[in-house]
Protein backbone atom coordinates (compact mmCIF):
# COMPACT_ATOMS: atom_id res chain seq x y z
CA MET A 1 187.03 -41.12 71.94
CA ASN A 2 183.84 -39.93 70.09
CA ARG A 3 183.48 -37.33 73.09
CA VAL A 4 187.54 -36.76 72.88
CA ARG A 5 187.15 -35.54 69.14
CA TRP A 6 183.71 -33.78 69.63
CA TRP A 7 186.39 -31.93 72.52
CA ARG A 8 188.92 -31.00 70.86
CA GLU A 9 186.92 -29.75 67.98
CA VAL A 10 184.82 -27.24 70.26
CA ALA A 11 188.45 -26.31 71.23
CA THR A 12 189.66 -25.59 68.06
CA GLY A 13 186.34 -23.90 67.06
CA ARG A 14 187.10 -21.91 69.59
CA SER A 15 190.05 -21.04 69.90
CA SER A 16 189.73 -20.19 66.33
CA ARG A 17 186.97 -17.56 66.88
CA LEU A 18 189.57 -15.98 69.46
CA ILE A 19 192.43 -15.87 67.08
CA GLU A 20 190.28 -14.31 63.85
CA ARG A 21 188.90 -11.60 67.24
CA VAL A 22 192.28 -10.88 67.80
CA ARG A 23 193.52 -10.10 64.34
CA SER A 24 190.29 -7.74 63.74
CA GLY A 25 190.59 -6.53 67.03
CA ALA A 26 187.27 -6.95 68.41
CA LEU A 27 188.48 -8.53 71.55
CA ASP A 28 186.57 -9.19 74.82
CA GLU A 29 185.83 -6.45 77.46
CA SER A 30 187.56 -9.51 79.56
CA VAL A 31 190.45 -9.72 77.55
CA ARG A 32 191.19 -6.17 76.41
CA GLY A 33 188.54 -3.39 78.39
CA ARG A 34 189.78 -4.45 82.00
CA PRO A 35 193.37 -2.97 81.16
CA ALA A 36 192.17 0.10 79.23
CA ALA A 37 189.78 0.28 81.67
CA LEU A 38 192.24 0.58 84.60
CA VAL A 39 194.48 2.68 82.87
CA GLU A 40 191.44 5.08 81.92
CA VAL A 41 190.21 5.35 85.81
CA VAL A 42 193.91 6.22 86.60
CA GLY A 43 194.37 8.92 84.86
CA LEU A 44 191.05 10.54 84.70
CA LEU A 45 192.32 10.18 89.24
CA LEU A 46 195.63 11.90 88.53
CA VAL A 47 193.34 14.97 86.62
CA ILE A 48 190.82 15.05 89.02
CA LEU A 49 193.59 15.06 91.83
CA LEU A 50 195.63 17.33 90.27
CA PHE A 51 192.66 19.71 89.27
CA SER A 52 191.39 19.98 92.73
CA ARG A 53 195.01 21.04 94.25
CA LEU A 54 195.14 23.65 91.50
CA HIS A 55 191.75 25.30 91.79
CA ALA A 56 191.47 25.57 95.79
CA ALA A 57 195.47 26.91 94.96
CA ALA A 58 193.32 29.83 93.72
CA GLY A 59 191.02 32.63 94.62
CA LYS A 60 192.90 33.46 97.81
CA ASP A 61 192.13 37.24 97.33
CA VAL A 62 189.26 37.70 98.71
CA ALA A 63 188.93 42.17 98.29
CA ALA A 64 189.22 41.14 94.59
CA ALA A 65 187.22 38.17 94.32
CA THR A 66 184.55 41.16 95.77
CA ALA A 67 185.48 43.99 93.78
CA ASN A 68 184.88 41.34 90.74
CA ALA A 69 181.98 40.37 91.52
CA LEU A 70 180.31 44.00 92.40
CA THR A 71 181.63 44.53 88.90
CA LEU A 72 179.68 41.32 87.80
CA GLN A 73 176.26 42.91 89.46
CA SER A 74 176.47 46.03 87.71
CA ILE A 75 177.31 43.99 84.38
CA GLU A 76 173.99 42.12 84.97
CA HIS A 77 172.21 44.83 86.25
CA ALA A 78 172.57 47.16 83.06
CA LEU A 79 171.88 44.18 80.88
CA HIS A 80 168.69 43.81 83.36
CA LEU A 81 170.12 40.29 84.28
CA ASP A 82 170.49 41.03 87.74
CA ILE A 83 167.72 37.91 89.31
CA ALA A 84 169.81 36.55 91.83
CA LEU A 85 168.81 38.02 94.90
CA ARG A 86 164.98 37.35 93.64
CA ALA A 87 165.96 33.73 92.42
CA ASN A 88 166.85 33.47 96.42
CA GLN A 89 163.88 34.90 97.45
CA TRP A 90 161.81 33.39 95.40
CA LEU A 91 163.30 29.74 96.87
CA THR A 92 163.43 30.80 100.56
CA GLU A 93 159.51 31.25 99.94
CA HIS A 94 159.10 27.26 98.77
CA SER A 95 160.34 25.29 101.76
CA ALA A 96 159.70 22.04 100.13
CA LEU A 97 162.20 22.60 97.18
CA ILE A 98 164.89 23.48 99.31
CA GLN A 99 166.58 20.86 100.68
CA PRO A 100 165.74 19.44 96.61
CA ALA A 101 167.55 22.00 95.58
CA VAL A 102 170.84 21.38 98.33
CA TYR A 103 170.75 17.44 96.88
CA TYR A 104 170.48 18.87 93.33
CA TYR A 105 173.40 21.18 93.42
CA ARG A 106 175.75 18.48 95.87
CA LEU A 107 175.57 15.68 94.09
CA TYR A 108 175.94 16.23 90.66
CA TYR A 109 179.44 14.27 90.33
CA VAL A 110 177.30 11.30 90.42
CA ALA A 111 175.94 12.25 86.60
CA ILE A 112 179.75 12.57 85.93
CA ILE A 113 180.82 9.24 86.92
CA GLY A 114 177.54 7.99 85.88
CA VAL A 115 178.46 9.25 81.86
CA LEU A 116 181.75 8.68 82.17
CA VAL A 117 180.86 4.92 82.94
CA TRP A 118 177.74 4.81 80.19
CA VAL A 119 179.60 6.24 77.78
CA PHE A 120 182.46 3.95 77.67
CA VAL A 121 181.24 0.52 78.15
CA ARG A 122 178.27 1.76 75.19
CA HIS A 123 179.29 4.06 73.74
CA ALA A 124 183.00 3.91 73.07
CA ASP A 125 183.14 4.55 69.69
CA VAL A 126 182.36 8.83 71.33
CA TYR A 127 184.20 8.06 74.26
CA VAL A 128 187.71 9.28 73.32
CA LYS A 129 185.90 12.82 72.53
CA VAL A 130 183.68 13.56 75.31
CA ARG A 131 187.03 12.60 77.80
CA ARG A 132 189.39 15.35 75.86
CA THR A 133 186.05 17.82 76.10
CA LEU A 134 186.10 16.97 79.87
CA VAL A 135 189.72 16.87 80.48
CA ALA A 136 190.20 20.47 78.28
CA MET A 137 187.73 21.95 80.17
CA ALA A 138 189.36 21.30 83.82
CA VAL A 139 193.01 22.24 82.71
CA LEU A 140 190.80 25.79 80.32
CA VAL A 141 189.11 27.16 83.34
CA LEU A 142 192.18 26.90 85.70
CA PRO A 143 193.67 30.81 84.56
CA VAL A 144 190.17 31.90 84.72
CA PHE A 145 190.02 30.87 88.01
CA TRP A 146 193.83 32.16 88.93
CA ALA A 147 193.14 35.48 86.70
CA LEU A 148 189.43 36.41 88.12
CA PRO A 149 188.52 35.41 91.50
CA MET A 150 184.42 35.73 91.80
CA SER A 151 182.88 36.04 95.07
CA PRO A 152 179.10 34.16 95.13
CA PRO A 153 176.66 36.00 95.67
CA ARG A 154 175.59 34.48 98.80
CA PHE A 155 179.05 36.38 100.22
CA ALA A 156 178.45 39.40 97.84
CA LEU A 157 174.73 40.17 97.04
CA PRO A 158 173.52 41.59 100.49
CA GLY A 159 169.99 40.29 101.32
CA VAL A 160 170.91 36.40 99.51
CA VAL A 161 170.49 32.97 101.94
CA ASP A 162 173.34 31.06 102.01
CA ILE A 163 170.81 27.83 101.22
CA ILE A 164 173.98 25.33 100.95
CA ALA A 165 175.65 26.29 104.41
CA GLU A 166 171.97 25.76 105.95
CA HIS A 167 170.34 23.38 104.62
CA ASP A 168 173.19 21.02 103.83
CA ILE A 169 173.62 17.92 105.74
CA LEU A 170 176.20 17.05 103.93
CA GLY A 171 178.88 19.60 105.14
CA GLY A 172 176.93 22.92 104.71
CA HIS A 173 179.37 24.92 106.72
CA ALA A 174 182.12 23.92 105.37
CA SER A 175 181.19 25.79 102.30
CA ARG A 176 181.62 29.02 104.08
CA GLN A 177 184.87 28.07 105.63
CA ILE A 178 187.72 29.39 103.46
CA GLY A 179 190.24 26.60 105.09
CA SER A 180 188.06 23.66 103.99
CA GLY A 181 190.33 23.15 101.22
CA GLN A 182 187.29 24.77 98.64
CA ASN A 183 188.13 27.39 96.64
CA LEU A 184 185.16 29.43 97.76
CA TYR A 185 185.73 32.44 95.36
CA SER A 186 185.74 30.74 92.44
CA ALA A 187 181.77 31.47 90.96
CA MET A 188 183.13 32.84 87.53
CA PRO A 189 182.24 30.41 85.57
CA SER A 190 179.82 28.24 87.47
CA MET A 191 181.61 24.92 87.21
CA HIS A 192 178.56 22.98 88.69
CA VAL A 193 176.87 24.51 85.77
CA GLY A 194 179.82 23.65 83.71
CA TRP A 195 179.58 19.43 84.57
CA SER A 196 176.16 19.36 84.22
CA LEU A 197 176.71 20.90 80.44
CA TRP A 198 178.83 18.36 80.25
CA CYS A 199 177.08 15.37 80.90
CA ALA A 200 174.20 16.80 78.78
CA TYR A 201 177.05 16.70 76.21
CA ALA A 202 177.90 13.50 76.09
CA VAL A 203 175.35 11.58 76.60
CA TRP A 204 174.05 14.37 73.45
CA TYR A 205 177.07 13.31 71.51
CA ALA A 206 176.68 9.72 72.44
CA LEU A 207 172.77 9.43 70.60
CA ARG A 208 172.01 12.27 68.44
CA ALA A 209 172.48 9.39 65.25
CA SER A 210 170.32 6.58 66.71
CA HIS A 211 167.75 9.07 69.31
CA PRO A 212 167.74 12.02 68.53
CA ARG A 213 164.84 13.12 70.32
CA LEU A 214 166.10 11.33 73.39
CA ALA A 215 169.59 12.97 73.08
CA LEU A 216 167.98 16.29 73.56
CA LEU A 217 166.47 15.51 76.33
CA SER A 218 170.02 15.37 78.05
CA TRP A 219 169.82 19.20 77.87
CA VAL A 220 166.85 18.82 80.74
CA PHE A 221 170.15 18.01 83.76
CA PRO A 222 172.19 21.28 82.64
CA LEU A 223 168.83 23.96 82.92
CA GLY A 224 168.28 22.17 86.54
CA MET A 225 171.09 22.37 87.53
CA THR A 226 171.31 26.50 86.35
CA ALA A 227 168.16 26.92 88.48
CA VAL A 228 169.53 25.52 90.73
CA VAL A 229 172.90 27.69 91.33
CA LEU A 230 171.18 30.79 91.08
CA THR A 231 168.09 30.33 93.65
CA THR A 232 170.98 29.27 95.98
CA GLY A 233 172.53 31.77 95.75
CA ASN A 234 175.65 30.36 94.59
CA HIS A 235 175.89 32.24 90.71
CA TYR A 236 175.31 34.97 88.87
CA VAL A 237 173.33 34.61 85.29
CA LEU A 238 176.76 35.85 83.69
CA ASP A 239 178.84 32.90 85.61
CA VAL A 240 176.43 30.80 83.67
CA ALA A 241 176.90 32.37 80.24
CA GLY A 242 180.39 31.77 81.12
CA SER A 243 179.83 28.13 81.56
CA ALA A 244 178.08 27.59 78.50
CA VAL A 245 181.87 29.37 76.97
CA LEU A 246 183.62 27.44 78.54
CA LEU A 247 182.26 23.96 77.06
CA VAL A 248 181.63 26.04 73.67
CA VAL A 249 185.61 26.14 73.55
CA ALA A 250 186.82 22.89 74.62
CA ILE A 251 184.79 20.63 72.39
CA ALA A 252 186.74 23.20 70.18
CA ALA A 253 190.16 22.20 72.19
CA ALA A 254 189.33 18.97 71.90
CA SER A 255 188.53 18.80 68.71
CA VAL A 256 192.23 20.13 67.75
CA TRP A 257 193.45 17.78 69.91
CA GLY A 258 191.98 14.34 67.81
CA PHE A 259 193.28 16.21 64.74
CA LEU A 260 196.96 17.06 66.68
CA VAL A 261 197.00 12.84 67.69
CA GLU A 262 195.38 11.41 64.61
CA ARG A 263 197.88 13.00 62.38
CA ARG A 264 201.02 12.07 64.36
CA ARG A 265 199.37 8.25 64.55
CA LYS A 266 199.70 8.61 60.75
CA ALA A 267 203.11 10.29 60.61
CA ARG A 268 204.62 7.48 62.49
CA SER A 269 202.68 5.01 60.44
CA ARG A 270 204.01 6.21 57.40
CA HIS A 271 206.90 5.93 58.90
CA SER A 272 206.93 2.60 60.41
CA GLY A 273 205.58 1.24 57.25
CA SER A 274 202.03 -0.36 59.20
CA PRO A 275 199.16 1.01 60.58
CA LEU A 276 199.30 1.63 64.60
CA HIS A 277 196.11 -0.13 66.30
CA THR A 278 195.97 2.38 69.51
């Protein structure tokens, strides 16, 4: 009887604690986290699919892409920023760095997934903000790809060696094939740099208060990506600058997005007479 009473007390105590956690909104991940994670995964997969389709459909005008590239080269020359050819030549002269550069260029998506998961699991308080920023970047860049097709240096700049096509074992030849399902004429802005900037921003935003010095190290990643896209002949300096502008605008758009969502939530809360926990 004593054992039965003891188990009842334990069960009652656990039930009480669970009920209290439900009321406080602090449910364990095993209760609430998985459905939320599933919704996030499905939503992000839909965004990625839609972005990929629209991105691939843009930039079909090769003549316009080449003309825009020549104009950009002229602007960079006037600003003394025309380093694409020299940077590419430097990499070809340092063969030991070529393969690491190719992997760095190709595997950026691993960093995106890793950062998303890390922020979702360890820094849920900032997850929505950085996810909105990521989605805003994808939405904002598509009109640029459609309106301003841009041929990369490896196509438009004589003397540039296509490092990715020659050394990428993961599908380098597809990087030159128009029918490969890729948009080969979307150099402006550089989304390799853009996505790496987002990764750095997300990590910095999550750690800026608790580990400010460590947070600053996150910006090394986009700096490395900048060096890679320039030396492999994939982007111009102004493409990189465009990526930075895109991130800033996306952060602002995400802030406005959050403000509008919060205002709508408060309005619905006042209308219903009870707070909404969403």
